[in-house]
Amino acid sequence: MRLTKTWSLVIRIKKNDTVNGKRVHSIILDILKKGSISGATMWTGMGGYGKRGNSTTHVEGISINMPLVIEVIDELEKLEKVLPEIKKLVDDNGLITMHEVGIV
């Protein structure tokens, strides 16, 4: 079995975060597509907390502004090209991590 090394970019924001009236997660996906990133997966969490407080508000059984994670796996060079624009967009309202991963 051969292990291929590559990189994972993980972006943690809140589902309802917006910039200029547009959802941040939609803008991030657009940036990734324009950067020829192979693919991305978005995960919505049921709850959480961070420096901006709790990430879940329940209104009659409906969760609002849940945590959202966008995960991308691609070559380091490609991720480094889109990272500055994503960092500027997320700023201090989220968390961005990168780590090396192995694909089996």
N, C-alpha and C. Protein backbone atom coordinates (compact mmCIF):
# COMPACT_ATOMS: atom_id res chain seq x y z
N MET A 1 0.84 -1.18 0.00
CA MET A 1 0.00 0.00 0.00
C MET A 1 0.89 1.25 0.00
N ARG A 2 0.56 2.16 -0.88
CA ARG A 2 1.34 3.40 -1.00
C ARG A 2 0.54 4.56 -0.42
N LEU A 3 1.17 5.39 0.36
CA LEU A 3 0.55 6.55 0.98
C LEU A 3 0.98 7.80 0.23
N THR A 4 -0.01 8.58 -0.24
CA THR A 4 0.28 9.83 -0.93
C THR A 4 0.09 10.98 0.04
N LYS A 5 1.12 11.80 0.21
CA LYS A 5 1.02 12.93 1.14
C LYS A 5 0.47 14.15 0.42
N THR A 6 -0.44 14.82 1.09
CA THR A 6 -1.03 16.05 0.58
C THR A 6 -1.45 16.89 1.78
N TRP A 7 -2.27 17.92 1.57
CA TRP A 7 -2.61 18.84 2.65
C TRP A 7 -4.11 19.00 2.82
N SER A 8 -4.51 19.24 4.06
CA SER A 8 -5.92 19.49 4.39
C SER A 8 -6.05 20.92 4.92
N LEU A 9 -7.00 21.65 4.36
CA LEU A 9 -7.35 22.99 4.82
C LEU A 9 -8.72 22.88 5.47
N VAL A 10 -8.82 23.31 6.72
CA VAL A 10 -10.09 23.24 7.44
C VAL A 10 -10.47 24.64 7.90
N ILE A 11 -11.68 25.06 7.54
CA ILE A 11 -12.17 26.40 7.86
C ILE A 11 -13.39 26.26 8.75
N ARG A 12 -13.35 26.89 9.92
CA ARG A 12 -14.46 26.83 10.87
C ARG A 12 -15.09 28.23 10.98
N ILE A 13 -16.36 28.31 10.63
CA ILE A 13 -17.10 29.57 10.70
C ILE A 13 -18.49 29.26 11.26
N LYS A 14 -19.35 30.25 11.29
CA LYS A 14 -20.76 30.02 11.64
C LYS A 14 -21.57 30.06 10.36
N LYS A 15 -22.61 29.24 10.32
CA LYS A 15 -23.41 29.07 9.10
C LYS A 15 -23.99 30.37 8.57
N ASN A 16 -24.39 31.28 9.44
CA ASN A 16 -25.06 32.50 9.01
C ASN A 16 -24.12 33.69 8.84
N ASP A 17 -22.81 33.50 8.95
CA ASP A 17 -21.86 34.60 8.75
C ASP A 17 -22.02 35.17 7.34
N THR A 18 -22.02 36.50 7.25
CA THR A 18 -22.16 37.16 5.95
C THR A 18 -21.11 38.25 5.77
N VAL A 19 -20.83 38.56 4.52
CA VAL A 19 -19.99 39.69 4.13
C VAL A 19 -20.70 40.36 2.96
N ASN A 20 -21.01 41.63 3.11
CA ASN A 20 -21.73 42.38 2.07
C ASN A 20 -23.02 41.67 1.63
N GLY A 21 -23.72 41.09 2.59
CA GLY A 21 -25.00 40.46 2.31
C GLY A 21 -24.94 39.07 1.73
N LYS A 22 -23.75 38.50 1.56
CA LYS A 22 -23.61 37.16 1.00
C LYS A 22 -23.01 36.23 2.04
N ARG A 23 -23.50 35.00 2.10
CA ARG A 23 -23.01 34.03 3.08
C ARG A 23 -21.53 33.74 2.84
N VAL A 24 -20.76 33.75 3.93
CA VAL A 24 -19.32 33.53 3.85
C VAL A 24 -19.01 32.16 3.24
N HIS A 25 -19.76 31.14 3.62
CA HIS A 25 -19.45 29.81 3.09
C HIS A 25 -19.64 29.75 1.57
N SER A 26 -20.59 30.49 1.02
CA SER A 26 -20.76 30.53 -0.43
C SER A 26 -19.59 31.24 -1.11
N ILE A 27 -19.13 32.32 -0.49
CA ILE A 27 -17.98 33.05 -1.04
C ILE A 27 -16.74 32.17 -1.02
N ILE A 28 -16.55 31.44 0.08
CA ILE A 28 -15.38 30.55 0.19
C ILE A 28 -15.43 29.48 -0.88
N LEU A 29 -16.59 28.88 -1.10
CA LEU A 29 -16.70 27.86 -2.15
C LEU A 29 -16.37 28.45 -3.52
N ASP A 30 -16.81 29.68 -3.79
CA ASP A 30 -16.48 30.35 -5.05
C ASP A 30 -14.98 30.54 -5.19
N ILE A 31 -14.33 30.96 -4.11
CA ILE A 31 -12.87 31.15 -4.12
C ILE A 31 -12.17 29.83 -4.43
N LEU A 32 -12.62 28.76 -3.79
CA LEU A 32 -12.01 27.45 -4.01
C LEU A 32 -12.19 26.98 -5.44
N LYS A 33 -13.37 27.16 -6.00
CA LYS A 33 -13.62 26.75 -7.39
C LYS A 33 -12.76 27.54 -8.36
N LYS A 34 -12.67 28.87 -8.15
CA LYS A 34 -11.84 29.71 -9.02
C LYS A 34 -10.37 29.34 -8.90
N GLY A 35 -9.97 28.84 -7.74
CA GLY A 35 -8.59 28.44 -7.51
C GLY A 35 -8.28 27.03 -7.99
N SER A 36 -9.22 26.40 -8.68
CA SER A 36 -9.06 25.05 -9.21
C SER A 36 -8.78 24.01 -8.14
N ILE A 37 -9.37 24.21 -6.96
CA ILE A 37 -9.24 23.24 -5.89
C ILE A 37 -10.10 22.03 -6.25
N SER A 38 -9.58 20.84 -6.00
CA SER A 38 -10.23 19.60 -6.43
C SER A 38 -11.65 19.42 -5.89
N GLY A 39 -11.89 19.82 -4.66
CA GLY A 39 -13.22 19.66 -4.07
C GLY A 39 -13.23 20.14 -2.64
N ALA A 40 -14.42 20.30 -2.11
CA ALA A 40 -14.58 20.74 -0.72
C ALA A 40 -15.82 20.08 -0.14
N THR A 41 -15.80 19.86 1.16
CA THR A 41 -16.95 19.31 1.86
C THR A 41 -17.31 20.26 2.99
N MET A 42 -18.62 20.56 3.10
CA MET A 42 -19.10 21.40 4.20
C MET A 42 -19.84 20.53 5.19
N TRP A 43 -19.54 20.74 6.46
CA TRP A 43 -20.20 20.02 7.55
C TRP A 43 -20.88 21.03 8.46
N THR A 44 -22.12 20.79 8.79
CA THR A 44 -22.81 21.65 9.75
C THR A 44 -22.86 20.92 11.08
N GLY A 45 -22.38 21.60 12.13
CA GLY A 45 -22.40 21.02 13.46
C GLY A 45 -23.71 21.30 14.17
N MET A 46 -23.97 20.52 15.18
CA MET A 46 -25.19 20.70 15.95
C MET A 46 -25.04 21.78 17.01
N GLY A 47 -23.82 22.07 17.37
CA GLY A 47 -23.57 23.07 18.39
C GLY A 47 -22.09 23.21 18.63
N GLY A 48 -21.74 24.20 19.39
CA GLY A 48 -20.34 24.43 19.72
C GLY A 48 -20.18 25.79 20.37
N TYR A 49 -18.94 26.13 20.67
CA TYR A 49 -18.65 27.45 21.23
C TYR A 49 -17.24 27.83 20.87
N GLY A 50 -16.97 29.10 20.94
CA GLY A 50 -15.65 29.63 20.64
C GLY A 50 -15.55 31.02 21.20
N LYS A 51 -14.60 31.79 20.70
CA LYS A 51 -14.38 33.12 21.26
C LYS A 51 -15.55 34.06 21.02
N ARG A 52 -16.42 33.75 20.02
CA ARG A 52 -17.61 34.57 19.78
C ARG A 52 -18.83 34.03 20.53
N GLY A 53 -18.61 33.08 21.43
CA GLY A 53 -19.70 32.54 22.23
C GLY A 53 -20.25 31.25 21.64
N ASN A 54 -21.48 30.91 22.05
CA ASN A 54 -22.11 29.69 21.57
C ASN A 54 -22.45 29.79 20.10
N SER A 55 -22.43 28.64 19.43
CA SER A 55 -22.69 28.61 18.00
C SER A 55 -24.07 28.05 17.66
N THR A 56 -24.92 27.92 18.65
CA THR A 56 -26.24 27.38 18.38
C THR A 56 -27.28 28.16 19.17
N THR A 57 -28.35 28.49 18.50
CA THR A 57 -29.52 29.06 19.15
C THR A 57 -30.70 28.19 18.73
N HIS A 58 -31.47 27.74 19.69
CA HIS A 58 -32.62 26.89 19.38
C HIS A 58 -33.90 27.70 19.48
N VAL A 59 -34.69 27.67 18.42
CA VAL A 59 -35.99 28.33 18.41
C VAL A 59 -37.01 27.28 18.00
N GLU A 60 -37.81 26.83 18.93
CA GLU A 60 -38.84 25.83 18.67
C GLU A 60 -38.32 24.66 17.85
N GLY A 61 -37.20 24.07 18.28
CA GLY A 61 -36.65 22.89 17.63
C GLY A 61 -35.78 23.15 16.41
N ILE A 62 -35.63 24.40 16.01
CA ILE A 62 -34.80 24.73 14.85
C ILE A 62 -33.50 25.35 15.35
N SER A 63 -32.37 24.86 14.86
CA SER A 63 -31.07 25.42 15.24
C SER A 63 -30.69 26.51 14.26
N ILE A 64 -30.25 27.64 14.80
CA ILE A 64 -29.88 28.79 13.98
C ILE A 64 -28.42 29.12 14.22
N ASN A 65 -27.72 29.49 13.17
CA ASN A 65 -26.31 29.88 13.21
C ASN A 65 -25.41 28.81 13.82
N MET A 66 -25.55 27.62 13.29
CA MET A 66 -24.77 26.49 13.75
C MET A 66 -23.33 26.61 13.26
N PRO A 67 -22.41 25.89 13.92
CA PRO A 67 -21.05 25.88 13.43
C PRO A 67 -20.99 25.20 12.05
N LEU A 68 -20.10 25.69 11.20
CA LEU A 68 -19.95 25.14 9.87
C LEU A 68 -18.47 24.90 9.62
N VAL A 69 -18.13 23.74 9.11
CA VAL A 69 -16.74 23.39 8.81
C VAL A 69 -16.64 23.09 7.32
N ILE A 70 -15.68 23.72 6.67
CA ILE A 70 -15.39 23.45 5.26
C ILE A 70 -14.03 22.76 5.23
N GLU A 71 -13.98 21.57 4.65
CA GLU A 71 -12.74 20.81 4.58
C GLU A 71 -12.33 20.60 3.14
N VAL A 72 -11.06 20.86 2.86
CA VAL A 72 -10.51 20.76 1.52
C VAL A 72 -9.23 19.96 1.59
N ILE A 73 -9.02 19.07 0.64
CA ILE A 73 -7.76 18.33 0.57
C ILE A 73 -7.20 18.51 -0.83
N ASP A 74 -5.99 19.05 -0.90
CA ASP A 74 -5.35 19.30 -2.20
C ASP A 74 -3.87 19.53 -1.99
N GLU A 75 -3.17 19.86 -3.07
CA GLU A 75 -1.73 20.14 -3.02
C GLU A 75 -1.48 21.45 -2.27
N LEU A 76 -0.38 21.49 -1.55
CA LEU A 76 -0.03 22.66 -0.75
C LEU A 76 0.04 23.93 -1.60
N GLU A 77 0.64 23.84 -2.76
CA GLU A 77 0.80 25.02 -3.63
C GLU A 77 -0.55 25.62 -4.02
N LYS A 78 -1.51 24.76 -4.34
CA LYS A 78 -2.84 25.24 -4.72
C LYS A 78 -3.56 25.87 -3.54
N LEU A 79 -3.42 25.27 -2.36
CA LEU A 79 -4.07 25.82 -1.16
C LEU A 79 -3.45 27.15 -0.77
N GLU A 80 -2.13 27.26 -0.89
CA GLU A 80 -1.46 28.52 -0.54
C GLU A 80 -1.91 29.68 -1.42
N LYS A 81 -2.31 29.40 -2.65
CA LYS A 81 -2.77 30.46 -3.55
C LYS A 81 -4.12 31.05 -3.13
N VAL A 82 -5.01 30.21 -2.59
CA VAL A 82 -6.35 30.70 -2.19
C VAL A 82 -6.40 31.13 -0.73
N LEU A 83 -5.43 30.73 0.05
CA LEU A 83 -5.44 30.99 1.49
C LEU A 83 -5.51 32.47 1.88
N PRO A 84 -4.74 33.38 1.25
CA PRO A 84 -4.81 34.78 1.66
C PRO A 84 -6.21 35.39 1.51
N GLU A 85 -6.89 35.06 0.42
CA GLU A 85 -8.24 35.59 0.19
C GLU A 85 -9.24 35.02 1.21
N ILE A 86 -9.08 33.74 1.53
CA ILE A 86 -9.96 33.12 2.52
C ILE A 86 -9.67 33.69 3.90
N LYS A 87 -8.40 33.85 4.24
CA LYS A 87 -8.03 34.40 5.55
C LYS A 87 -8.60 35.81 5.72
N LYS A 88 -8.52 36.62 4.68
CA LYS A 88 -9.06 37.98 4.73
C LYS A 88 -10.58 37.94 4.96
N LEU A 89 -11.24 37.01 4.33
CA LEU A 89 -12.69 36.86 4.45
C LEU A 89 -13.11 36.37 5.83
N VAL A 90 -12.43 35.36 6.34
CA VAL A 90 -12.76 34.78 7.64
C VAL A 90 -12.31 35.69 8.77
N ASP A 91 -11.13 36.28 8.62
CA ASP A 91 -10.55 37.20 9.60
C ASP A 91 -10.58 36.58 10.99
N ASP A 92 -11.05 37.33 12.00
CA ASP A 92 -11.11 36.83 13.37
C ASP A 92 -12.44 36.17 13.70
N ASN A 93 -13.30 36.00 12.69
CA ASN A 93 -14.62 35.42 12.92
C ASN A 93 -14.67 33.92 12.73
N GLY A 94 -13.52 33.31 12.61
CA GLY A 94 -13.47 31.86 12.43
C GLY A 94 -12.08 31.36 12.71
N LEU A 95 -11.84 30.14 12.32
CA LEU A 95 -10.54 29.52 12.55
C LEU A 95 -10.16 28.73 11.29
N ILE A 96 -8.93 28.89 10.85
CA ILE A 96 -8.43 28.18 9.69
C ILE A 96 -7.23 27.37 10.14
N THR A 97 -7.24 26.09 9.80
CA THR A 97 -6.09 25.23 10.11
C THR A 97 -5.66 24.50 8.86
N MET A 98 -4.39 24.14 8.82
CA MET A 98 -3.83 23.33 7.73
C MET A 98 -2.95 22.27 8.34
N HIS A 99 -3.05 21.08 7.79
CA HIS A 99 -2.16 20.01 8.23
C HIS A 99 -1.93 19.02 7.10
N GLU A 100 -0.79 18.37 7.19
CA GLU A 100 -0.44 17.38 6.17
C GLU A 100 -1.23 16.09 6.45
N VAL A 101 -1.74 15.49 5.38
CA VAL A 101 -2.49 14.25 5.52
C VAL A 101 -1.96 13.23 4.53
N GLY A 102 -2.28 11.99 4.77
CA GLY A 102 -1.91 10.92 3.85
C GLY A 102 -3.16 10.31 3.24
N ILE A 103 -3.15 10.15 1.92
CA ILE A 103 -4.25 9.52 1.21
C ILE A 103 -3.87 8.08 0.92
N VAL A 104 -4.74 7.18 1.28
CA VAL A 104 -4.49 5.76 1.09
C VAL A 104 -5.01 5.32 -0.27
